[in-house]
Amino acid sequence: MHTLRRSFGLQVLIGMISGLALGFVARNLGEGSGLAETLRIVGEIFVQLLKTLVVPLVFTAIVASIAALRDLDNARRLVISTLVWFAITALIAVTIGIALGLLIQPGVTAGVNAASAVAPKAAGSWLDFLRGLVPANILGLEASTKLADGAARTALSFNVLQIIVIAITIGVAAVRIGDAGAPFLAFNASALALFRRILRWVIRLTPIGTGALLGNAIVRYGWQSLSALGAFSIAVYAGLALVLFVVYPILLITNGLSPKRFFAAAWPAIQLGFVSRSSIATLPVTEDVVERGLGVPRSYSAFAVPFAATTKMDGCAAIYPAVSAIFVAQYYGIPLHAADYVLIILVSVLGSAATAGLTGAVVMLTLTLSTLGLPLEGAGLLLAIDPILDMGRTAVNVAGQALVPTIVAKRNGLLEQTSANPSQQIPASSTTAPA
């Protein structure tokens, strides 16, 4: 019984069940009720805590990873293998999305009003990839100004892709200058240990945070809006389920890994991705479960996981745009040919990198639509249910971001034996609340 109480995965599950129940109660009381506001505020605070740690963790972890990778003879091979597995899993996911779109034909039976077809404000382009790679400043800061209540408000945000570029550049420079860079690398290692300790304290709040986020999702979105786009929603979630529960287990088994062990360790991150709808917010937890639960060495995971969190999106960048593009084409009666499906595949495999510095699957969808020459207004037809679909998309994104580093580490003989051998148990640190 004591072990069950200490099980971190069980704590998160209890938190989600509690959040589900509280969400339905709050929805009956009304969106402006005290319970609904409490769920919203607690969930937002938890996500803010995680996002606060993203920048220092990503920077210090990648610099430390660069310093550690210099001692690995196969560092270049690890990077290439990571990119190859990104492409392999994305190719499988987009193929499933295309097949389901053609089989279910969601655009033919859609009950959505054509008046809601409004082009989104944010659109993706291949030039965004180049702009996203080049840092505008040393901190990777971006500013945006919006009008709210008649007043202009400016908000600052971090471009994680640019932070990765900055960290890699500084890490390589620190290694190249030899002894002069040693004090900086020592300071960076100390800072990394400090931020990882803070992360473990924040992760302790995961059961409360996930419960609040799920409860808030029930209050805000409900499920009524799914009816008009039922076939489309079924196609997307069917594709997500196939990738998460069929494709990923097959890939794990093929590489000598146990799906049961993988999901036992990665499930807290997958759950958090589902309720937070943010791979970046989930990044600290994903990195923790990959290293401590799945046995991927820090020297590799510190590079692979942050990079995956910005460019590895099987849900948002493969399944969703494939099904959505077919939906838009069917809705407007525009035929797609073999070359168009090849374009969908190419955009999905390469496009997640092109939109890594931007936000949301809608940007990825507009990139796909513009490449195919389909009306961008078609994306507006799907905005009503986007938050509900985004929960499933992000969960699959996070699972893939944990899967690829695990497979690459196993294939290169880096995975700890306790995680690589199905007969062994996942280390206790992955299933209990961090100390």
Protein backbone atom coordinates (compact mmCIF):
# COMPACT_ATOMS: atom_id res chain seq x y z
CA MET A 1 0.00 0.00 0.00
CA HIS A 2 2.89 2.32 0.81
CA THR A 3 4.35 1.64 -2.64
CA LEU A 4 1.04 2.48 -4.31
CA ARG A 5 0.84 5.78 -2.48
CA ARG A 6 4.33 6.65 -3.64
CA SER A 7 3.70 5.69 -7.25
CA PHE A 8 4.04 8.89 -9.23
CA GLY A 9 2.06 7.51 -12.16
CA LEU A 10 -0.78 6.52 -9.84
CA GLN A 11 -0.75 9.97 -8.25
CA VAL A 12 -1.07 11.59 -11.67
CA LEU A 13 -3.90 9.22 -12.61
CA ILE A 14 -5.77 10.06 -9.39
CA GLY A 15 -5.22 13.75 -10.13
CA MET A 16 -6.70 13.38 -13.61
CA ILE A 17 -9.73 11.44 -12.36
CA SER A 18 -10.30 14.08 -9.69
CA GLY A 19 -9.90 16.85 -12.26
CA LEU A 20 -12.38 15.13 -14.57
CA ALA A 21 -14.98 14.92 -11.80
CA LEU A 22 -14.38 18.50 -10.66
CA GLY A 23 -14.57 19.69 -14.26
CA PHE A 24 -18.04 18.26 -14.75
CA VAL A 25 -19.18 19.73 -11.43
CA ALA A 26 -17.75 23.15 -12.36
CA ARG A 27 -19.37 22.98 -15.81
CA ASN A 28 -22.77 22.41 -14.19
CA LEU A 29 -22.15 25.34 -11.84
CA GLY A 30 -21.18 27.60 -14.74
CA GLU A 31 -17.94 28.79 -16.32
CA GLY A 32 -17.79 31.81 -13.99
CA SER A 33 -18.15 29.78 -10.80
CA GLY A 34 -15.52 29.79 -8.07
CA LEU A 35 -14.60 26.17 -8.77
CA ALA A 36 -14.12 26.83 -12.47
CA GLU A 37 -11.90 29.83 -11.73
CA THR A 38 -9.88 27.81 -9.22
CA LEU A 39 -9.25 25.05 -11.76
CA ARG A 40 -8.20 27.61 -14.37
CA ILE A 41 -5.85 29.52 -12.08
CA VAL A 42 -4.20 26.41 -10.59
CA GLY A 43 -3.66 24.94 -14.06
CA GLU A 44 -2.21 28.18 -15.42
CA ILE A 45 0.16 28.54 -12.46
CA PHE A 46 1.45 25.00 -12.95
CA VAL A 47 2.10 25.57 -16.66
CA GLN A 48 3.80 28.90 -15.90
CA LEU A 49 6.13 27.18 -13.44
CA LEU A 50 7.13 24.64 -16.07
CA LYS A 51 7.59 27.27 -18.77
CA THR A 52 9.76 29.33 -16.42
CA LEU A 53 12.20 26.42 -16.23
CA VAL A 54 12.27 25.69 -19.96
CA VAL A 55 14.78 28.36 -20.98
CA PRO A 56 17.45 27.80 -18.28
CA LEU A 57 17.06 24.03 -18.51
CA VAL A 58 17.32 23.92 -22.30
CA PHE A 59 20.31 26.26 -22.40
CA THR A 60 22.36 24.67 -19.60
CA ALA A 61 21.43 21.12 -20.62
CA ILE A 62 22.45 21.58 -24.24
CA VAL A 63 25.73 23.31 -23.35
CA ALA A 64 26.49 20.43 -20.95
CA SER A 65 25.47 17.96 -23.66
CA ILE A 66 27.89 19.52 -26.15
CA ALA A 67 30.69 19.25 -23.57
CA ALA A 68 29.82 15.59 -22.94
CA LEU A 69 29.35 14.66 -26.60
CA ARG A 70 32.96 15.63 -27.36
CA ASP A 71 33.97 12.48 -25.48
CA LEU A 72 31.68 10.28 -27.57
CA ASP A 73 33.14 8.89 -30.75
CA ASN A 74 29.69 8.49 -32.32
CA ALA A 75 28.31 12.01 -31.59
CA ARG A 76 27.76 12.76 -35.28
CA ARG A 77 26.14 9.39 -35.76
CA LEU A 78 23.77 10.08 -32.86
CA VAL A 79 22.62 13.36 -34.40
CA ILE A 80 22.11 11.79 -37.84
CA SER A 81 20.27 8.80 -36.34
CA THR A 82 17.98 11.14 -34.42
CA LEU A 83 17.04 13.04 -37.59
CA VAL A 84 16.50 9.80 -39.51
CA TRP A 85 14.15 8.45 -36.86
CA PHE A 86 12.30 11.76 -36.79
CA ALA A 87 11.67 11.30 -40.52
CA ILE A 88 10.75 7.60 -40.24
CA THR A 89 8.10 8.11 -37.56
CA ALA A 90 6.72 11.22 -39.29
CA LEU A 91 6.47 9.29 -42.58
CA ILE A 92 4.50 6.51 -40.92
CA ALA A 93 2.22 8.98 -39.13
CA VAL A 94 1.40 11.05 -42.23
CA THR A 95 0.72 7.89 -44.25
CA ILE A 96 -1.80 6.80 -41.61
CA GLY A 97 -3.37 10.27 -41.70
CA ILE A 98 -3.78 10.17 -45.49
CA ALA A 99 -5.25 6.66 -45.39
CA LEU A 100 -7.82 7.60 -42.74
CA GLY A 101 -8.74 10.80 -44.58
CA LEU A 102 -9.44 8.84 -47.77
CA LEU A 103 -11.26 6.07 -45.91
CA ILE A 104 -13.50 8.17 -43.63
CA GLN A 105 -13.90 11.14 -46.02
CA PRO A 106 -14.57 13.70 -43.28
CA GLY A 107 -15.09 16.62 -45.66
CA VAL A 108 -18.01 14.95 -47.42
CA THR A 109 -20.18 14.58 -44.32
CA ALA A 110 -19.16 17.78 -42.48
CA GLY A 111 -22.00 19.81 -40.98
CA VAL A 112 -19.91 22.92 -40.37
CA ASN A 113 -21.15 26.26 -41.71
CA ALA A 114 -19.15 27.66 -44.60
CA ALA A 115 -19.47 31.12 -43.02
CA SER A 116 -16.91 30.08 -40.42
CA ALA A 117 -14.28 29.72 -43.14
CA VAL A 118 -11.96 32.56 -42.16
CA ALA A 119 -8.25 32.54 -42.91
CA PRO A 120 -6.22 32.27 -39.68
CA LYS A 121 -4.12 35.26 -38.62
CA ALA A 122 -0.96 33.12 -38.38
CA ALA A 123 0.22 31.24 -41.45
CA GLY A 124 3.25 29.08 -42.03
CA SER A 125 5.86 29.47 -44.75
CA TRP A 126 9.21 27.93 -45.52
CA LEU A 127 10.89 31.29 -44.93
CA ASP A 128 9.72 31.09 -41.31
CA PHE A 129 12.14 28.20 -40.86
CA LEU A 130 15.13 30.37 -41.78
CA ARG A 131 13.88 33.28 -39.69
CA GLY A 132 13.25 30.95 -36.77
CA LEU A 133 16.78 29.56 -36.88
CA VAL A 134 18.58 32.91 -36.75
CA PRO A 135 18.44 34.44 -33.25
CA ALA A 136 17.21 38.02 -33.13
CA ASN A 137 19.10 38.50 -29.85
CA ILE A 138 21.32 36.51 -27.50
CA LEU A 139 18.36 35.57 -25.27
CA GLY A 140 16.10 34.29 -28.05
CA LEU A 141 13.47 36.83 -26.97
CA GLU A 142 10.47 37.75 -29.11
CA ALA A 143 7.98 40.54 -28.49
CA SER A 144 4.38 40.75 -29.68
CA THR A 145 1.91 43.61 -29.26
CA LYS A 146 -1.86 43.07 -29.19
CA LEU A 147 -4.82 45.36 -28.68
CA ALA A 148 -6.93 44.40 -25.65
CA ASP A 149 -9.72 46.50 -24.14
CA GLY A 150 -8.64 49.46 -26.23
CA ALA A 151 -5.04 49.37 -24.99
CA ALA A 152 -1.89 48.02 -26.60
CA ARG A 153 -0.18 45.32 -24.57
CA THR A 154 3.26 43.96 -25.31
CA ALA A 155 4.23 40.45 -24.24
CA LEU A 156 7.66 38.82 -24.29
CA SER A 157 8.22 35.18 -25.19
CA PHE A 158 11.17 32.91 -25.87
CA ASN A 159 11.81 31.20 -29.19
CA VAL A 160 13.03 27.79 -28.02
CA LEU A 161 14.46 26.90 -31.43
CA GLN A 162 16.65 30.00 -31.31
CA ILE A 163 17.72 29.16 -27.75
CA ILE A 164 18.82 25.74 -28.97
CA VAL A 165 20.89 27.36 -31.74
CA ILE A 166 22.43 29.81 -29.24
CA ALA A 167 23.22 27.04 -26.74
CA ILE A 168 24.83 24.81 -29.38
CA THR A 169 26.95 27.71 -30.64
CA ILE A 170 28.11 28.72 -27.14
CA GLY A 171 28.71 25.10 -26.14
CA VAL A 172 30.85 24.39 -29.19
CA ALA A 173 32.79 27.65 -28.66
CA ALA A 174 33.41 26.82 -24.98
CA VAL A 175 34.78 23.41 -25.94
CA ARG A 176 36.95 24.79 -28.75
CA ILE A 177 38.71 27.43 -26.60
CA GLY A 178 40.00 24.73 -24.27
CA ASP A 179 41.14 25.70 -20.78
CA ALA A 180 39.67 29.20 -21.11
CA GLY A 181 36.21 27.67 -21.42
CA ALA A 182 36.59 25.26 -18.52
CA PRO A 183 35.34 27.70 -15.82
CA PHE A 184 32.26 28.50 -17.90
CA LEU A 185 31.49 24.81 -18.46
CA ALA A 186 31.92 24.15 -14.73
CA PHE A 187 29.55 27.01 -13.90
CA ASN A 188 27.08 25.72 -16.48
CA ALA A 189 27.19 22.21 -14.96
CA SER A 190 26.49 23.70 -11.52
CA ALA A 191 23.59 25.78 -12.88
CA LEU A 192 22.16 22.71 -14.61
CA ALA A 193 22.20 20.74 -11.36
CA LEU A 194 20.47 23.65 -9.61
CA PHE A 195 17.68 23.96 -12.18
CA ARG A 196 17.16 20.20 -12.27
CA ARG A 197 16.64 20.22 -8.50
CA ILE A 198 14.03 22.98 -8.86
CA LEU A 199 12.42 20.94 -11.64
CA ARG A 200 12.00 17.96 -9.32
CA TRP A 201 10.19 20.19 -6.84
CA VAL A 202 7.84 21.41 -9.58
CA ILE A 203 7.24 17.88 -10.85
CA ARG A 204 5.91 16.99 -7.42
CA LEU A 205 2.96 19.25 -8.28
CA THR A 206 2.13 17.32 -11.46
CA PRO A 207 -0.88 15.42 -10.01
CA ILE A 208 -2.45 18.70 -8.89
CA GLY A 209 -1.53 20.54 -12.08
CA THR A 210 -2.82 17.86 -14.46
CA GLY A 211 -6.07 17.57 -12.51
CA ALA A 212 -6.66 21.31 -12.69
CA LEU A 213 -5.78 21.47 -16.40
CA LEU A 214 -8.11 18.61 -17.29
CA GLY A 215 -10.92 20.05 -15.18
CA ASN A 216 -10.48 23.43 -16.86
CA ALA A 217 -10.58 21.77 -20.29
CA ILE A 218 -13.92 20.15 -19.45
CA VAL A 219 -15.32 23.50 -18.30
CA ARG A 220 -14.08 25.50 -21.27
CA TYR A 221 -14.58 23.18 -24.21
CA GLY A 222 -17.03 20.43 -23.35
CA TRP A 223 -17.66 18.13 -26.30
CA GLN A 224 -20.77 19.56 -28.00
CA SER A 225 -18.79 21.26 -30.74
CA LEU A 226 -17.55 17.89 -31.98
CA SER A 227 -20.92 16.93 -33.47
CA ALA A 228 -20.67 19.04 -36.65
CA LEU A 229 -17.19 17.69 -37.35
CA GLY A 230 -17.69 14.20 -35.96
CA ALA A 231 -16.15 12.29 -38.89
CA PHE A 232 -13.14 14.61 -38.95
CA SER A 233 -12.61 14.25 -35.19
CA ILE A 234 -12.89 10.47 -35.44
CA ALA A 235 -10.33 10.39 -38.26
CA VAL A 236 -7.83 12.52 -36.30
CA TYR A 237 -8.19 10.64 -33.02
CA ALA A 238 -8.15 7.27 -34.79
CA GLY A 239 -4.86 8.24 -36.41
CA LEU A 240 -3.44 9.44 -33.10
CA ALA A 241 -4.48 6.21 -31.38
CA LEU A 242 -2.96 4.05 -34.12
CA VAL A 243 0.37 5.86 -33.89
CA LEU A 244 0.49 5.89 -30.08
CA PHE A 245 -0.78 2.39 -29.34
CA VAL A 246 0.17 0.42 -32.48
CA VAL A 247 3.03 2.05 -34.38
CA TYR A 248 5.11 3.09 -31.38
CA PRO A 249 4.84 -0.32 -29.64
CA ILE A 250 5.83 -2.06 -32.88
CA LEU A 251 8.88 0.20 -33.22
CA LEU A 252 9.82 -0.46 -29.59
CA ILE A 253 9.51 -4.24 -29.96
CA THR A 254 11.43 -4.16 -33.24
CA ASN A 255 14.30 -2.46 -31.44
CA GLY A 256 14.30 -4.86 -28.50
CA LEU A 257 12.44 -2.57 -26.08
CA SER A 258 9.39 -3.26 -23.97
CA PRO A 259 6.31 -1.10 -24.72
CA LYS A 260 5.07 -1.77 -21.19
CA ARG A 261 8.29 -0.38 -19.71
CA PHE A 262 8.25 2.58 -22.09
CA PHE A 263 4.70 3.66 -21.29
CA ALA A 264 5.19 3.03 -17.57
CA ALA A 265 8.02 5.56 -17.57
CA ALA A 266 6.76 8.03 -20.19
CA TRP A 267 3.08 8.11 -19.24
CA PRO A 268 3.33 11.05 -16.78
CA ALA A 269 4.80 13.22 -19.57
CA ILE A 270 2.22 11.97 -22.08
CA GLN A 271 -0.59 12.76 -19.62
CA LEU A 272 0.79 16.23 -18.98
CA GLY A 273 1.10 16.86 -22.71
CA PHE A 274 -2.57 15.88 -23.12
CA VAL A 275 -3.89 18.30 -20.51
CA SER A 276 -1.41 21.17 -21.03
CA ARG A 277 -1.55 21.07 -24.86
CA SER A 278 2.08 22.23 -24.97
CA SER A 279 5.19 20.22 -25.82
CA ILE A 280 7.32 23.09 -24.55
CA ALA A 281 5.56 23.26 -21.19
CA THR A 282 5.90 19.48 -20.90
CA LEU A 283 9.58 19.55 -21.94
CA PRO A 284 11.07 19.50 -18.41
CA VAL A 285 8.97 16.46 -17.49
CA THR A 286 9.70 14.71 -20.80
CA GLU A 287 13.43 15.14 -20.32
CA ASP A 288 13.16 13.84 -16.76
CA VAL A 289 11.31 10.65 -17.71
CA VAL A 290 13.56 10.00 -20.72
CA GLU A 291 16.69 10.19 -18.60
CA ARG A 292 15.58 8.89 -15.21
CA GLY A 293 12.86 6.51 -16.34
CA LEU A 294 14.01 5.22 -19.72
CA GLY A 295 17.74 5.19 -19.08
CA VAL A 296 18.85 7.54 -21.87
CA PRO A 297 22.19 9.12 -20.83
CA ARG A 298 22.09 12.82 -20.05
CA SER A 299 24.89 13.54 -22.53
CA TYR A 300 22.52 12.57 -25.36
CA SER A 301 19.05 13.27 -23.93
CA ALA A 302 19.96 16.87 -23.03
CA PHE A 303 20.36 17.52 -26.75
CA ALA A 304 17.80 15.16 -28.25
CA VAL A 305 14.74 15.91 -26.10
CA PRO A 306 14.74 19.75 -26.39
CA PHE A 307 15.42 19.43 -30.11
CA ALA A 308 12.57 16.92 -30.43
CA ALA A 309 10.22 19.18 -28.47
CA THR A 310 10.53 21.82 -31.17
CA THR A 311 10.73 19.68 -34.32
CA LYS A 312 9.28 16.22 -33.56
CA MET A 313 5.50 16.47 -33.84
CA ASP A 314 3.81 13.37 -35.22
CA GLY A 315 0.43 14.62 -33.99
CA CYS A 316 0.52 18.29 -35.04
CA ALA A 317 2.81 18.06 -38.06
CA ALA A 318 1.88 14.68 -39.61
CA ILE A 319 -1.53 13.20 -38.77
CA TYR A 320 -3.46 16.43 -38.28
CA PRO A 321 -2.37 18.34 -41.42
CA ALA A 322 -2.81 15.22 -43.56
CA VAL A 323 -6.40 14.60 -42.42
CA SER A 324 -7.16 18.34 -42.44
CA ALA A 325 -5.86 18.93 -45.95
CA ILE A 326 -7.97 16.06 -47.28
CA PHE A 327 -10.96 17.44 -45.33
CA VAL A 328 -10.56 20.91 -46.88
CA ALA A 329 -10.18 19.47 -50.38
CA GLN A 330 -13.29 17.32 -49.96
CA TYR A 331 -15.30 20.17 -48.41
CA TYR A 332 -14.59 22.50 -51.33
CA GLY A 333 -14.85 19.73 -53.91
CA ILE A 334 -11.23 20.07 -55.04
CA PRO A 335 -9.75 16.78 -56.32
CA LEU A 336 -6.33 15.70 -55.05
CA HIS A 337 -3.97 13.66 -57.20
CA ALA A 338 -1.02 11.38 -56.46
CA ALA A 339 1.42 14.30 -56.62
CA ASP A 340 -0.63 16.16 -54.01
CA TYR A 341 -0.37 13.27 -51.56
CA VAL A 342 3.38 13.17 -52.12
CA LEU A 343 3.48 16.88 -51.28
CA ILE A 344 1.52 16.25 -48.08
CA ILE A 345 4.10 13.65 -47.09
CA LEU A 346 7.04 15.94 -47.86
CA VAL A 347 5.53 18.88 -45.98
CA SER A 348 4.77 16.70 -42.97
CA VAL A 349 8.24 15.16 -42.82
CA LEU A 350 10.03 18.48 -43.28
CA GLY A 351 7.45 21.01 -42.17
CA SER A 352 7.64 20.58 -38.41
CA ALA A 353 11.13 22.05 -38.58
CA ALA A 354 9.85 24.88 -40.76
CA THR A 355 7.28 25.87 -38.15
CA ALA A 356 9.34 25.05 -35.06
CA GLY A 357 9.73 28.69 -34.11
CA LEU A 358 5.97 29.28 -34.36
CA THR A 359 2.99 28.19 -32.33
CA GLY A 360 0.19 25.74 -32.93
CA ALA A 361 -0.85 23.09 -35.43
CA VAL A 362 -2.88 25.71 -37.35
CA VAL A 363 0.39 27.17 -38.63
CA MET A 364 1.45 23.73 -39.84
CA LEU A 365 -1.95 23.27 -41.48
CA THR A 366 -1.74 26.58 -43.34
CA LEU A 367 1.73 25.62 -44.58
CA THR A 368 0.27 22.38 -45.97
CA LEU A 369 -2.75 24.12 -47.53
CA SER A 370 -0.64 26.83 -49.17
CA THR A 371 1.79 24.23 -50.56
CA LEU A 372 -1.13 22.32 -52.10
CA GLY A 373 -2.85 25.47 -53.34
CA LEU A 374 -5.95 24.86 -51.20
CA PRO A 375 -7.91 27.80 -49.71
CA LEU A 376 -6.45 28.92 -46.38
CA GLU A 377 -9.98 29.78 -45.25
CA GLY A 378 -10.50 26.04 -44.90
CA ALA A 379 -8.44 26.10 -41.72
CA GLY A 380 -11.08 28.37 -40.19
CA LEU A 381 -13.67 25.59 -40.50
CA LEU A 382 -11.75 23.55 -37.93
CA LEU A 383 -10.90 26.18 -35.33
CA ALA A 384 -13.97 25.51 -33.16
CA ILE A 385 -12.74 22.06 -32.14
CA ASP A 386 -9.00 22.73 -32.34
CA PRO A 387 -8.45 22.80 -28.54
CA ILE A 388 -10.09 19.38 -28.15
CA LEU A 389 -8.02 17.86 -30.96
CA ASP A 390 -4.90 19.60 -29.69
CA MET A 391 -5.02 17.56 -26.48
CA GLY A 392 -4.60 14.30 -28.37
CA ARG A 393 -2.12 15.76 -30.84
CA THR A 394 0.19 17.01 -28.10
CA ALA A 395 0.06 13.70 -26.22
CA VAL A 396 1.30 11.91 -29.35
CA ASN A 397 3.92 14.62 -29.92
CA VAL A 398 5.32 14.10 -26.41
CA ALA A 399 5.29 10.32 -26.76
CA GLY A 400 7.29 10.60 -29.98
CA GLN A 401 9.70 13.02 -28.36
CA ALA A 402 10.44 10.37 -25.72
CA LEU A 403 10.39 7.45 -28.17
CA VAL A 404 13.04 8.55 -30.67
CA PRO A 405 15.84 9.31 -28.14
CA THR A 406 15.10 5.97 -26.46
CA ILE A 407 15.34 4.02 -29.72
CA VAL A 408 18.47 5.87 -30.88
CA ALA A 409 20.16 5.31 -27.50
CA LYS A 410 19.28 1.60 -27.61
CA ARG A 411 20.57 1.15 -31.18
CA ASN A 412 23.84 2.85 -30.24
CA GLY A 413 24.37 0.83 -27.08
CA LEU A 414 23.87 3.79 -24.73
CA LEU A 415 20.65 2.75 -23.00
CA GLU A 416 20.96 1.66 -19.40
CA GLN A 417 20.50 -2.09 -19.06
CA THR A 418 17.66 -1.76 -16.57
CA SER A 419 15.54 0.00 -19.17
CA ALA A 420 16.73 -1.85 -22.26
CA ASN A 421 16.07 -5.32 -20.91
CA PRO A 422 12.33 -6.13 -20.77
CA SER A 423 12.93 -8.54 -17.94
CA GLN A 424 14.18 -5.71 -15.76
CA GLN A 425 12.05 -3.19 -13.93
CA ILE A 426 11.95 0.49 -14.74
CA PRO A 427 14.13 2.27 -12.16
CA ALA A 428 12.15 3.31 -9.13
CA SER A 429 12.97 6.95 -9.71
CA SER A 430 10.78 6.98 -12.80
CA THR A 431 7.65 5.81 -11.05
CA THR A 432 7.92 7.70 -7.81
CA ALA A 433 7.74 11.38 -7.12
CA PRO A 434 11.23 12.84 -7.51
CA ALA A 435 13.12 13.65 -4.35
